[in-house]
Structure formats: structure tokens, C-alpha cells
Amino acid sequence: MDIYDHDSSLRGDGFGVLAGVDEAGRGPVAGPVVAAAVIMPDSLRIEGLRDSKKVPEKEREVLFREIVCQAEDIGVGIVGHEEIDRLNILGATRKAMQSAVWDLRLTPDLVVIDAVTLPSLKARQLSFFKAESKSASVAAASIVAKYVRDAVMLHYHDVYPAYNFRKNKGYCTAEHMAMIRIHGPCPIHRRSFKQVMSVPLPF
């Protein structure tokens, strides 16, 4: 069963309005976590649509634009570094996902989520691991979430160029950790992440 057949099967079970939900930004040590909810027409087929982690950046932009142009509805939720530190990353991820669903104009009959359940969401939910590899709607959400988060990190690169967020997007690369050792954490670093606070500083 391919990713489109999976969603068509769920629609055939009576869930006509199907929203796929995924996030980007759980792993980085800087910046927000971003979630997207996408409702696609059953007839829509987008060539190359798959998990955003398997899509090169230039192709991801093409897929993002096609999704935005053809999806029935898209919602986005963003939770910043301060709330991540306050809630923890799982709590922040849930909040971003709930916000993305609430941002939709349409009311979904079923929300398909990658690996997370949303206790505050009243809609019917189906959660399973690697949903972005099995559901076209979740794959589309993964593309949108990743594209939006990358755009946010490009903005932060202009604000804090020393950390090269344009390249690392806030992930824990050797270069990024070296810049934290040299300059210390900047305002968007996640202070609750041990990778940030355990870096020895020069002062």
C-alpha cells in the first residue's frame, strides 16, 4: 500500500476530511518547533511526495509550493525556544501540533499524526510511528513544517550570523557547538537542552 492508498482507505472508512500532522524541530538545540496540518483532496497526486527528511532542500521547496497551491487546507503551529524550555520538547511539540490543527479552516473527521497523541484535541486521532512514510497527508505536513521552520532559521541567521543557522538550522553540528563554545548561547538557544548548557565556555 503506497502513501496515497493509505489515505484513500481511511477516507473509504468514513473519514472524508483527513488531516495529516507532522513537526520539524524536535532535535535542534536552537529555534522553534514547527508543526503543520494538511488536508489534501483524495484525487491529488504529487510526484515525489515523501518524508521531508528524505527530500533535498531545492526539491522540498518545489513540493512545498505544490502542496500550498493544491491542498484543501493548511494549518501551521509554531512554539518558540522559551516555551520549549518551559514545557519540555514533547509538550512543545504537542502544543505546536494542536495549534496547527486549530489553524485549519476545515474541521477534520480524522487527524493522522506522526508518533504523538494530542490529549487536548477533540477530533478523532490516529497516531503511529513513521506516519510520514505511510500517509500522503502526513508526508505533506512534514514538507510544510520543515520548509516553514527552515525559513524561520534563515531569518535567525541574519540576526545571529555567528552560529551559521543558515547551514545547520539549529541542529547540533560540530561547527555549531564550536560557535557556542566561542560565543556562548544566543537568545534562541534552548537552555533546557544539555547539549547547550554542558558546552564549556571561554569566560
N, C-alpha and C. Protein backbone atom coordinates (compact mmCIF):
# COMPACT_ATOMS: atom_id res chain seq x y z
N MET A 1 0.85 -1.20 0.00
CA MET A 1 0.00 0.00 0.00
C MET A 1 0.88 1.25 0.00
N ASP A 2 0.70 2.13 -1.01
CA ASP A 2 1.50 3.35 -1.03
C ASP A 2 0.85 4.43 -0.16
N ILE A 3 1.50 5.59 -0.08
CA ILE A 3 1.04 6.63 0.85
C ILE A 3 -0.33 7.19 0.46
N TYR A 4 -0.67 7.13 -0.83
CA TYR A 4 -1.97 7.63 -1.26
C TYR A 4 -3.06 6.59 -1.00
N ASP A 5 -2.73 5.31 -1.21
CA ASP A 5 -3.71 4.25 -0.93
C ASP A 5 -4.08 4.23 0.56
N HIS A 6 -3.09 4.49 1.42
CA HIS A 6 -3.35 4.51 2.87
C HIS A 6 -4.42 5.55 3.21
N ASP A 7 -4.24 6.76 2.68
CA ASP A 7 -5.21 7.82 2.98
C ASP A 7 -6.56 7.55 2.33
N SER A 8 -6.55 7.01 1.11
CA SER A 8 -7.81 6.69 0.44
C SER A 8 -8.59 5.64 1.22
N SER A 9 -7.86 4.67 1.80
CA SER A 9 -8.50 3.64 2.60
C SER A 9 -9.19 4.24 3.82
N LEU A 10 -8.53 5.19 4.48
CA LEU A 10 -9.13 5.85 5.64
C LEU A 10 -10.36 6.66 5.23
N ARG A 11 -10.28 7.33 4.09
CA ARG A 11 -11.45 8.08 3.62
C ARG A 11 -12.60 7.11 3.30
N GLY A 12 -12.25 5.94 2.76
CA GLY A 12 -13.27 4.94 2.48
C GLY A 12 -13.93 4.40 3.73
N ASP A 13 -13.25 4.53 4.87
CA ASP A 13 -13.82 4.11 6.15
C ASP A 13 -14.73 5.17 6.76
N GLY A 14 -14.92 6.27 6.03
CA GLY A 14 -15.84 7.29 6.50
C GLY A 14 -15.21 8.57 6.99
N PHE A 15 -13.87 8.66 6.90
CA PHE A 15 -13.17 9.88 7.34
C PHE A 15 -12.86 10.74 6.11
N GLY A 16 -13.89 11.40 5.61
CA GLY A 16 -13.75 12.14 4.36
C GLY A 16 -12.77 13.28 4.42
N VAL A 17 -12.76 14.00 5.55
CA VAL A 17 -11.84 15.13 5.72
C VAL A 17 -10.70 14.65 6.61
N LEU A 18 -9.56 14.38 5.96
CA LEU A 18 -8.42 13.77 6.63
C LEU A 18 -7.29 14.79 6.74
N ALA A 19 -6.84 15.04 7.96
CA ALA A 19 -5.73 15.97 8.18
C ALA A 19 -4.49 15.21 8.62
N GLY A 20 -3.41 15.39 7.90
CA GLY A 20 -2.13 14.82 8.31
C GLY A 20 -1.35 15.85 9.10
N VAL A 21 -0.68 15.42 10.17
CA VAL A 21 0.04 16.34 11.06
C VAL A 21 1.45 15.82 11.28
N ASP A 22 2.42 16.71 11.16
CA ASP A 22 3.81 16.37 11.47
C ASP A 22 4.52 17.62 11.93
N GLU A 23 5.74 17.43 12.48
CA GLU A 23 6.51 18.55 13.00
C GLU A 23 7.93 18.55 12.45
N ALA A 24 8.59 19.67 12.64
CA ALA A 24 10.02 19.80 12.36
C ALA A 24 10.63 20.59 13.51
N GLY A 25 11.76 20.11 14.00
CA GLY A 25 12.47 20.89 15.01
C GLY A 25 12.51 20.31 16.40
N ARG A 26 12.24 19.01 16.55
CA ARG A 26 12.37 18.42 17.88
C ARG A 26 13.83 18.24 18.27
N GLY A 27 14.68 17.94 17.29
CA GLY A 27 16.07 17.61 17.58
C GLY A 27 17.03 18.78 17.73
N PRO A 28 16.81 19.92 17.08
CA PRO A 28 17.77 21.02 17.17
C PRO A 28 17.92 21.57 18.59
N VAL A 29 19.01 22.30 18.81
CA VAL A 29 19.27 22.92 20.11
C VAL A 29 18.98 24.41 20.08
N ALA A 30 18.46 24.90 18.96
CA ALA A 30 18.12 26.33 18.85
C ALA A 30 16.88 26.48 17.97
N GLY A 31 16.12 27.54 18.24
CA GLY A 31 14.96 27.85 17.42
C GLY A 31 13.70 27.13 17.83
N PRO A 32 12.62 27.34 17.07
CA PRO A 32 11.31 26.81 17.44
C PRO A 32 11.09 25.38 16.97
N VAL A 33 10.01 24.79 17.46
CA VAL A 33 9.46 23.58 16.85
C VAL A 33 8.24 24.03 16.05
N VAL A 34 8.12 23.53 14.83
CA VAL A 34 7.05 23.94 13.91
C VAL A 34 6.26 22.71 13.51
N ALA A 35 4.95 22.81 13.56
CA ALA A 35 4.07 21.73 13.12
C ALA A 35 3.17 22.23 12.00
N ALA A 36 2.76 21.30 11.15
CA ALA A 36 1.81 21.62 10.09
C ALA A 36 0.72 20.57 10.06
N ALA A 37 -0.47 21.01 9.68
CA ALA A 37 -1.61 20.13 9.42
C ALA A 37 -2.05 20.37 7.99
N VAL A 38 -2.19 19.30 7.22
CA VAL A 38 -2.52 19.43 5.80
C VAL A 38 -3.70 18.54 5.46
N ILE A 39 -4.69 19.11 4.79
CA ILE A 39 -5.83 18.37 4.25
C ILE A 39 -5.73 18.41 2.73
N MET A 40 -5.61 17.24 2.11
CA MET A 40 -5.44 17.17 0.66
C MET A 40 -6.66 16.51 0.02
N PRO A 41 -6.98 16.89 -1.22
CA PRO A 41 -8.05 16.20 -1.95
C PRO A 41 -7.67 14.73 -2.18
N ASP A 42 -8.64 13.85 -2.15
CA ASP A 42 -8.38 12.43 -2.36
C ASP A 42 -7.76 12.17 -3.73
N SER A 43 -8.12 12.99 -4.70
CA SER A 43 -7.65 12.77 -6.08
C SER A 43 -6.23 13.31 -6.32
N LEU A 44 -5.70 14.08 -5.37
CA LEU A 44 -4.41 14.74 -5.59
C LEU A 44 -3.25 13.75 -5.50
N ARG A 45 -2.38 13.79 -6.51
CA ARG A 45 -1.14 13.01 -6.51
C ARG A 45 0.00 13.96 -6.82
N ILE A 46 0.94 14.08 -5.92
CA ILE A 46 2.09 14.96 -6.10
C ILE A 46 3.33 14.10 -6.28
N GLU A 47 3.92 14.20 -7.43
CA GLU A 47 5.09 13.36 -7.74
C GLU A 47 6.25 13.66 -6.79
N GLY A 48 6.80 12.61 -6.21
CA GLY A 48 7.96 12.77 -5.33
C GLY A 48 7.62 13.07 -3.89
N LEU A 49 6.33 13.16 -3.55
CA LEU A 49 5.96 13.47 -2.17
C LEU A 49 6.39 12.33 -1.25
N ARG A 50 7.13 12.69 -0.20
CA ARG A 50 7.61 11.71 0.77
C ARG A 50 8.06 12.44 2.02
N ASP A 51 8.56 11.68 2.98
CA ASP A 51 9.07 12.24 4.22
C ASP A 51 10.08 13.35 3.93
N SER A 52 9.89 14.52 4.56
CA SER A 52 10.75 15.67 4.28
C SER A 52 12.22 15.39 4.54
N LYS A 53 12.52 14.49 5.48
CA LYS A 53 13.92 14.18 5.80
C LYS A 53 14.63 13.50 4.64
N LYS A 54 13.85 12.97 3.68
CA LYS A 54 14.44 12.28 2.53
C LYS A 54 14.44 13.15 1.27
N VAL A 55 14.09 14.43 1.43
CA VAL A 55 13.95 15.32 0.28
C VAL A 55 15.01 16.41 0.33
N PRO A 56 15.83 16.55 -0.72
CA PRO A 56 16.81 17.64 -0.77
C PRO A 56 16.12 19.01 -0.71
N GLU A 57 16.87 20.00 -0.24
CA GLU A 57 16.27 21.32 0.03
C GLU A 57 15.59 21.93 -1.19
N LYS A 58 16.23 21.88 -2.35
CA LYS A 58 15.64 22.50 -3.54
C LYS A 58 14.35 21.79 -3.96
N GLU A 59 14.35 20.47 -3.88
CA GLU A 59 13.14 19.72 -4.22
C GLU A 59 12.05 19.97 -3.18
N ARG A 60 12.46 20.14 -1.92
CA ARG A 60 11.48 20.40 -0.86
C ARG A 60 10.73 21.69 -1.13
N GLU A 61 11.41 22.70 -1.64
CA GLU A 61 10.74 23.96 -1.95
C GLU A 61 9.71 23.77 -3.06
N VAL A 62 10.05 22.97 -4.08
CA VAL A 62 9.11 22.69 -5.16
C VAL A 62 7.88 21.98 -4.62
N LEU A 63 8.10 20.97 -3.77
CA LEU A 63 6.98 20.23 -3.20
C LEU A 63 6.13 21.14 -2.30
N PHE A 64 6.79 21.99 -1.53
CA PHE A 64 6.06 22.92 -0.66
C PHE A 64 5.11 23.79 -1.47
N ARG A 65 5.61 24.35 -2.55
CA ARG A 65 4.78 25.24 -3.36
C ARG A 65 3.61 24.49 -4.00
N GLU A 66 3.86 23.24 -4.40
CA GLU A 66 2.78 22.46 -4.99
C GLU A 66 1.72 22.12 -3.94
N ILE A 67 2.16 21.78 -2.74
CA ILE A 67 1.21 21.49 -1.66
C ILE A 67 0.38 22.72 -1.33
N VAL A 68 1.02 23.86 -1.20
CA VAL A 68 0.31 25.10 -0.87
C VAL A 68 -0.73 25.44 -1.94
N CYS A 69 -0.38 25.20 -3.20
CA CYS A 69 -1.29 25.54 -4.29
C CYS A 69 -2.47 24.57 -4.40
N GLN A 70 -2.27 23.30 -3.99
CA GLN A 70 -3.29 22.28 -4.29
C GLN A 70 -3.99 21.70 -3.06
N ALA A 71 -3.45 21.91 -1.88
CA ALA A 71 -4.10 21.38 -0.68
C ALA A 71 -5.45 22.07 -0.44
N GLU A 72 -6.37 21.36 0.18
CA GLU A 72 -7.66 21.96 0.53
C GLU A 72 -7.52 22.91 1.71
N ASP A 73 -6.58 22.62 2.60
CA ASP A 73 -6.40 23.46 3.78
C ASP A 73 -5.03 23.16 4.40
N ILE A 74 -4.44 24.18 4.99
CA ILE A 74 -3.15 24.03 5.68
C ILE A 74 -3.19 24.86 6.96
N GLY A 75 -2.74 24.27 8.05
CA GLY A 75 -2.58 24.99 9.31
C GLY A 75 -1.15 24.85 9.79
N VAL A 76 -0.66 25.87 10.47
CA VAL A 76 0.72 25.87 10.98
C VAL A 76 0.71 26.29 12.44
N GLY A 77 1.51 25.61 13.25
CA GLY A 77 1.69 25.98 14.65
C GLY A 77 3.17 26.11 14.96
N ILE A 78 3.55 27.17 15.66
CA ILE A 78 4.96 27.42 15.99
C ILE A 78 5.08 27.66 17.49
N VAL A 79 5.99 26.93 18.12
CA VAL A 79 6.28 27.12 19.55
C VAL A 79 7.77 27.46 19.68
N GLY A 80 8.06 28.60 20.29
CA GLY A 80 9.42 29.10 20.36
C GLY A 80 10.27 28.47 21.45
N HIS A 81 11.53 28.87 21.46
CA HIS A 81 12.52 28.27 22.36
C HIS A 81 12.16 28.46 23.84
N GLU A 82 11.56 29.59 24.19
CA GLU A 82 11.25 29.82 25.60
C GLU A 82 10.19 28.84 26.10
N GLU A 83 9.17 28.59 25.26
CA GLU A 83 8.14 27.62 25.65
C GLU A 83 8.68 26.20 25.63
N ILE A 84 9.60 25.92 24.72
CA ILE A 84 10.24 24.60 24.71
C ILE A 84 10.95 24.37 26.05
N ASP A 85 11.66 25.38 26.52
CA ASP A 85 12.36 25.25 27.81
C ASP A 85 11.37 25.11 28.96
N ARG A 86 10.23 25.76 28.84
CA ARG A 86 9.25 25.72 29.93
C ARG A 86 8.44 24.43 29.94
N LEU A 87 8.06 23.96 28.75
CA LEU A 87 7.16 22.81 28.65
C LEU A 87 7.89 21.48 28.53
N ASN A 88 9.07 21.47 28.04
CA ASN A 88 9.90 20.38 27.52
C ASN A 88 9.53 20.15 26.05
N ILE A 89 10.39 19.45 25.32
CA ILE A 89 10.22 19.38 23.87
C ILE A 89 8.98 18.60 23.47
N LEU A 90 8.62 17.56 24.22
CA LEU A 90 7.40 16.82 23.88
C LEU A 90 6.17 17.68 24.09
N GLY A 91 6.11 18.39 25.21
CA GLY A 91 4.98 19.28 25.46
C GLY A 91 4.88 20.37 24.42
N ALA A 92 6.03 20.91 24.01
CA ALA A 92 6.04 21.96 23.00
C ALA A 92 5.61 21.42 21.63
N THR A 93 6.03 20.19 21.33
CA THR A 93 5.63 19.56 20.07
C THR A 93 4.12 19.36 20.03
N ARG A 94 3.57 18.86 21.12
CA ARG A 94 2.11 18.69 21.18
C ARG A 94 1.38 20.02 21.00
N LYS A 95 1.90 21.06 21.66
CA LYS A 95 1.25 22.37 21.54
C LYS A 95 1.29 22.88 20.11
N ALA A 96 2.45 22.70 19.44
CA ALA A 96 2.57 23.14 18.05
C ALA A 96 1.62 22.37 17.15
N MET A 97 1.51 21.06 17.37
CA MET A 97 0.61 20.25 16.55
C MET A 97 -0.86 20.63 16.78
N GLN A 98 -1.22 20.83 18.04
CA GLN A 98 -2.60 21.25 18.34
C GLN A 98 -2.90 22.59 17.69
N SER A 99 -1.94 23.52 17.75
CA SER A 99 -2.13 24.84 17.14
C SER A 99 -2.29 24.72 15.63
N ALA A 100 -1.54 23.80 15.02
CA ALA A 100 -1.65 23.62 13.57
C ALA A 100 -3.04 23.12 13.19
N VAL A 101 -3.59 22.18 13.96
CA VAL A 101 -4.94 21.68 13.68
C VAL A 101 -5.96 22.79 13.91
N TRP A 102 -5.80 23.54 14.99
CA TRP A 102 -6.73 24.64 15.27
C TRP A 102 -6.65 25.74 14.22
N ASP A 103 -5.53 25.82 13.51
CA ASP A 103 -5.33 26.83 12.48
C ASP A 103 -6.06 26.49 11.18
N LEU A 104 -6.52 25.25 11.06
CA LEU A 104 -7.27 24.85 9.87
C LEU A 104 -8.63 25.54 9.82
N ARG A 105 -9.09 25.86 8.61
CA ARG A 105 -10.44 26.38 8.43
C ARG A 105 -11.46 25.24 8.45
N LEU A 106 -11.08 24.10 7.87
CA LEU A 106 -11.96 22.93 7.82
C LEU A 106 -11.84 22.13 9.11
N THR A 107 -12.90 21.43 9.45
CA THR A 107 -12.88 20.55 10.63
C THR A 107 -12.63 19.12 10.18
N PRO A 108 -11.49 18.54 10.56
CA PRO A 108 -11.18 17.18 10.09
C PRO A 108 -12.03 16.12 10.79
N ASP A 109 -12.37 15.08 10.02
CA ASP A 109 -13.04 13.91 10.60
C ASP A 109 -12.03 13.02 11.32
N LEU A 110 -10.79 13.05 10.83
CA LEU A 110 -9.72 12.25 11.43
C LEU A 110 -8.40 13.01 11.29
N VAL A 111 -7.61 12.99 12.35
CA VAL A 111 -6.28 13.60 12.33
C VAL A 111 -5.26 12.47 12.43
N VAL A 112 -4.42 12.34 11.41
CA VAL A 112 -3.37 11.33 11.39
C VAL A 112 -2.07 11.99 11.79
N ILE A 113 -1.45 11.47 12.84
CA ILE A 113 -0.31 12.15 13.47
C ILE A 113 0.90 11.23 13.51
N ASP A 114 2.06 11.80 13.29
CA ASP A 114 3.29 11.02 13.40
C ASP A 114 3.69 10.85 14.87
N ALA A 115 3.45 9.68 15.42
CA ALA A 115 4.05 9.21 16.69
C ALA A 115 3.55 9.89 17.96
N VAL A 116 2.72 10.91 17.87
CA VAL A 116 2.31 11.67 19.05
C VAL A 116 0.78 11.66 19.16
N THR A 117 0.27 11.61 20.39
CA THR A 117 -1.16 11.81 20.61
C THR A 117 -1.37 13.19 21.22
N LEU A 118 -2.54 13.77 20.96
CA LEU A 118 -2.83 15.14 21.39
C LEU A 118 -4.02 15.13 22.33
N PRO A 119 -3.79 15.08 23.63
CA PRO A 119 -4.88 14.96 24.62
C PRO A 119 -5.88 16.11 24.57
N SER A 120 -5.42 17.31 24.18
CA SER A 120 -6.31 18.47 24.18
C SER A 120 -7.15 18.59 22.92
N LEU A 121 -6.92 17.69 21.96
CA LEU A 121 -7.62 17.77 20.69
C LEU A 121 -8.87 16.89 20.74
N LYS A 122 -10.01 17.48 20.39
CA LYS A 122 -11.28 16.75 20.46
C LYS A 122 -11.50 15.86 19.24
N ALA A 123 -10.83 16.15 18.15
CA ALA A 123 -11.03 15.39 16.92
C ALA A 123 -10.54 13.95 17.07
N ARG A 124 -11.12 13.05 16.29
CA ARG A 124 -10.67 11.66 16.26
C ARG A 124 -9.22 11.63 15.78
N GLN A 125 -8.40 10.79 16.40
CA GLN A 125 -6.97 10.75 16.09
C GLN A 125 -6.50 9.35 15.76
N LEU A 126 -5.50 9.28 14.89
CA LEU A 126 -4.80 8.04 14.60
C LEU A 126 -3.32 8.36 14.60
N SER A 127 -2.58 7.76 15.54
CA SER A 127 -1.16 8.07 15.68
C SER A 127 -0.34 6.80 15.52
N PHE A 128 0.72 6.89 14.72
CA PHE A 128 1.63 5.75 14.59
C PHE A 128 3.00 6.24 14.13
N PHE A 129 4.02 5.42 14.40
CA PHE A 129 5.38 5.79 14.05
C PHE A 129 5.58 5.75 12.54
N LYS A 130 6.45 6.65 12.08
CA LYS A 130 6.79 6.77 10.67
C LYS A 130 5.56 7.04 9.80
N ALA A 131 4.61 7.79 10.36
CA ALA A 131 3.40 8.10 9.60
C ALA A 131 3.72 8.89 8.34
N GLU A 132 4.79 9.67 8.36
CA GLU A 132 5.16 10.47 7.19
C GLU A 132 5.62 9.59 6.03
N SER A 133 5.94 8.32 6.30
CA SER A 133 6.32 7.38 5.25
C SER A 133 5.16 6.51 4.78
N LYS A 134 4.01 6.63 5.45
CA LYS A 134 2.86 5.77 5.15
C LYS A 134 1.63 6.55 4.71
N SER A 135 1.57 7.84 5.06
CA SER A 135 0.39 8.66 4.75
C SER A 135 0.81 9.86 3.92
N ALA A 136 0.13 10.06 2.78
CA ALA A 136 0.44 11.22 1.94
C ALA A 136 0.16 12.53 2.66
N SER A 137 -0.89 12.57 3.45
CA SER A 137 -1.24 13.80 4.17
C SER A 137 -0.17 14.15 5.20
N VAL A 138 0.34 13.15 5.90
CA VAL A 138 1.39 13.40 6.89
C VAL A 138 2.70 13.77 6.19
N ALA A 139 2.99 13.11 5.06
CA ALA A 139 4.19 13.48 4.30
C ALA A 139 4.12 14.94 3.85
N ALA A 140 2.94 15.37 3.40
CA ALA A 140 2.77 16.77 3.01
C ALA A 140 2.97 17.69 4.20
N ALA A 141 2.44 17.30 5.36
CA ALA A 141 2.63 18.11 6.57
C ALA A 141 4.10 18.19 6.95
N SER A 142 4.84 17.10 6.75
CA SER A 142 6.26 17.12 7.08
C SER A 142 7.02 18.09 6.18
N ILE A 143 6.63 18.16 4.91
CA ILE A 143 7.27 19.10 3.98
C ILE A 143 6.98 20.54 4.39
N VAL A 144 5.72 20.83 4.69
CA VAL A 144 5.34 22.20 5.07
C VAL A 144 6.03 22.61 6.36
N ALA A 145 6.03 21.74 7.36
CA ALA A 145 6.64 22.07 8.64
C ALA A 145 8.14 22.33 8.48
N LYS A 146 8.80 21.48 7.72
CA LYS A 146 10.25 21.63 7.51
C LYS A 146 10.55 22.92 6.75
N TYR A 147 9.78 23.20 5.71
CA TYR A 147 10.02 24.41 4.92
C TYR A 147 9.84 25.67 5.76
N VAL A 148 8.75 25.70 6.53
CA VAL A 148 8.48 26.89 7.36
C VAL A 148 9.57 27.05 8.42
N ARG A 149 9.96 25.96 9.07
CA ARG A 149 10.99 26.08 10.11
C ARG A 149 12.32 26.53 9.52
N ASP A 150 12.68 26.00 8.35
CA ASP A 150 13.93 26.43 7.71
C ASP A 150 13.89 27.93 7.41
N ALA A 151 12.74 28.42 6.98
CA ALA A 151 12.60 29.86 6.70
C ALA A 151 12.80 30.69 7.97
N VAL A 152 12.27 30.20 9.09
CA VAL A 152 12.47 30.88 10.38
C VAL A 152 13.95 30.90 10.74
N MET A 153 14.63 29.78 10.53
CA MET A 153 16.05 29.71 10.89
C MET A 153 16.91 30.57 9.96
N LEU A 154 16.49 30.74 8.72
CA LEU A 154 17.21 31.66 7.83
C LEU A 154 17.10 33.09 8.35
N HIS A 155 15.94 33.45 8.88
CA HIS A 155 15.79 34.77 9.50
C HIS A 155 16.73 34.90 10.69
N TYR A 156 16.78 33.87 11.54
CA TYR A 156 17.65 33.94 12.71
C TYR A 156 19.13 33.98 12.31
N HIS A 157 19.46 33.41 11.16
CA HIS A 157 20.85 33.52 10.69
C HIS A 157 21.23 34.98 10.47
N ASP A 158 20.29 35.76 9.93
CA ASP A 158 20.57 37.18 9.72
C ASP A 158 20.73 37.93 11.04
N VAL A 159 20.01 37.48 12.06
CA VAL A 159 20.06 38.14 13.37
C VAL A 159 21.30 37.71 14.16
N TYR A 160 21.65 36.42 14.07
CA TYR A 160 22.79 35.86 14.81
C TYR A 160 23.71 35.10 13.85
N PRO A 161 24.40 35.82 12.96
CA PRO A 161 25.16 35.15 11.90
C PRO A 161 26.33 34.29 12.39
N ALA A 162 26.83 34.54 13.59
CA ALA A 162 28.00 33.79 14.08
C ALA A 162 27.73 32.30 14.19
N TYR A 163 26.47 31.90 14.33
CA TYR A 163 26.16 30.49 14.58
C TYR A 163 25.85 29.71 13.30
N ASN A 164 25.83 30.40 12.17
CA ASN A 164 25.61 29.78 10.85
C ASN A 164 24.32 28.96 10.81
N PHE A 165 23.24 29.54 11.34
CA PHE A 165 21.94 28.86 11.31
C PHE A 165 21.47 28.59 9.89
N ARG A 166 21.97 29.36 8.93
CA ARG A 166 21.60 29.13 7.53
C ARG A 166 21.98 27.71 7.10
N LYS A 167 23.11 27.22 7.63
CA LYS A 167 23.57 25.89 7.26
C LYS A 167 23.06 24.81 8.20
N ASN A 168 23.18 25.03 9.51
CA ASN A 168 22.87 23.95 10.47
C ASN A 168 21.42 23.93 10.94
N LYS A 169 20.66 25.02 10.68
CA LYS A 169 19.24 25.12 11.08
C LYS A 169 19.02 24.86 12.58
N GLY A 170 20.08 25.07 13.38
CA GLY A 170 19.95 24.89 14.82
C GLY A 170 20.30 23.50 15.30
N TYR A 171 20.64 22.59 14.37
CA TYR A 171 21.00 21.23 14.79
C TYR A 171 22.40 21.21 15.41
N CYS A 172 22.66 20.12 16.09
CA CYS A 172 23.85 20.01 16.95
C CYS A 172 25.06 19.54 16.13
N THR A 173 25.51 20.36 15.18
CA THR A 173 26.69 20.02 14.39
C THR A 173 27.96 20.42 15.14
N ALA A 174 29.08 19.87 14.72
CA ALA A 174 30.36 20.21 15.36
C ALA A 174 30.66 21.70 15.26
N GLU A 175 30.39 22.28 14.09
CA GLU A 175 30.63 23.71 13.91
C GLU A 175 29.73 24.54 14.84
N HIS A 176 28.48 24.14 14.93
CA HIS A 176 27.54 24.86 15.79
C HIS A 176 28.00 24.81 17.24
N MET A 177 28.39 23.65 17.71
CA MET A 177 28.87 23.52 19.09
C MET A 177 30.13 24.35 19.33
N ALA A 178 30.99 24.40 18.31
CA ALA A 178 32.21 25.22 18.43
C ALA A 178 31.86 26.69 18.57
N MET A 179 30.83 27.15 17.85
CA MET A 179 30.43 28.54 17.94
C MET A 179 29.83 28.86 19.31
N ILE A 180 29.13 27.90 19.89
CA ILE A 180 28.62 28.11 21.25
C ILE A 180 29.78 28.21 22.24
N ARG A 181 30.80 27.38 22.05
CA ARG A 181 31.98 27.46 22.93
C ARG A 181 32.65 28.82 22.83
N ILE A 182 32.67 29.37 21.63
CA ILE A 182 33.36 30.65 21.41
C ILE A 182 32.51 31.83 21.90
N HIS A 183 31.23 31.83 21.55
CA HIS A 183 30.38 32.99 21.77
C HIS A 183 29.40 32.83 22.92
N GLY A 184 29.22 31.59 23.40
CA GLY A 184 28.16 31.33 24.37
C GLY A 184 26.83 31.18 23.65
N PRO A 185 25.78 30.72 24.33
CA PRO A 185 24.45 30.58 23.71
C PRO A 185 23.89 31.95 23.34
N CYS A 186 23.16 32.00 22.23
CA CYS A 186 22.46 33.23 21.86
C CYS A 186 21.02 33.14 22.38
N PRO A 187 20.24 34.20 22.24
CA PRO A 187 18.88 34.21 22.83
C PRO A 187 17.95 33.10 22.35
N ILE A 188 18.18 32.50 21.17
CA ILE A 188 17.24 31.47 20.71
C ILE A 188 17.73 30.05 21.02
N HIS A 189 18.85 29.90 21.71
CA HIS A 189 19.27 28.56 22.11
C HIS A 189 18.37 28.02 23.22
N ARG A 190 18.14 26.71 23.19
CA ARG A 190 17.27 26.05 24.17
C ARG A 190 18.08 25.74 25.43
N ARG A 191 17.86 26.54 26.44
CA ARG A 191 18.67 26.40 27.65
C ARG A 191 18.42 25.09 28.40
N SER A 192 17.28 24.45 28.16
CA SER A 192 16.96 23.20 28.83
C SER A 192 17.66 22.00 28.18
N PHE A 193 18.30 22.21 27.02
CA PHE A 193 18.97 21.11 26.33
C PHE A 193 20.40 20.98 26.85
N LYS A 194 20.75 19.79 27.30
CA LYS A 194 22.06 19.60 27.91
C LYS A 194 23.19 19.84 26.91
N GLN A 195 22.92 19.65 25.61
CA GLN A 195 23.96 19.91 24.61
C GLN A 195 24.38 21.36 24.62
N VAL A 196 23.46 22.26 24.99
CA VAL A 196 23.78 23.69 25.05
C VAL A 196 24.46 24.04 26.36
N MET A 197 23.86 23.62 27.46
CA MET A 197 24.35 24.07 28.77
C MET A 197 25.61 23.33 29.22
N SER A 198 25.92 22.20 28.60
CA SER A 198 27.13 21.48 29.00
C SER A 198 28.36 21.88 28.20
N VAL A 199 28.18 22.77 27.21
CA VAL A 199 29.33 23.22 26.42
C VAL A 199 30.21 24.13 27.28
N PRO A 200 31.51 23.80 27.41
CA PRO A 200 32.41 24.67 28.18
C PRO A 200 32.62 26.01 27.49
N LEU A 201 32.45 27.09 28.22
CA LEU A 201 32.57 28.43 27.65
C LEU A 201 33.93 29.05 27.99
N PRO A 202 34.38 30.00 27.17
CA PRO A 202 35.70 30.58 27.38
C PRO A 202 35.72 31.70 28.41
N PHE A 203 34.61 31.91 29.12
CA PHE A 203 34.56 33.02 30.07
C PHE A 203 33.77 32.62 31.31
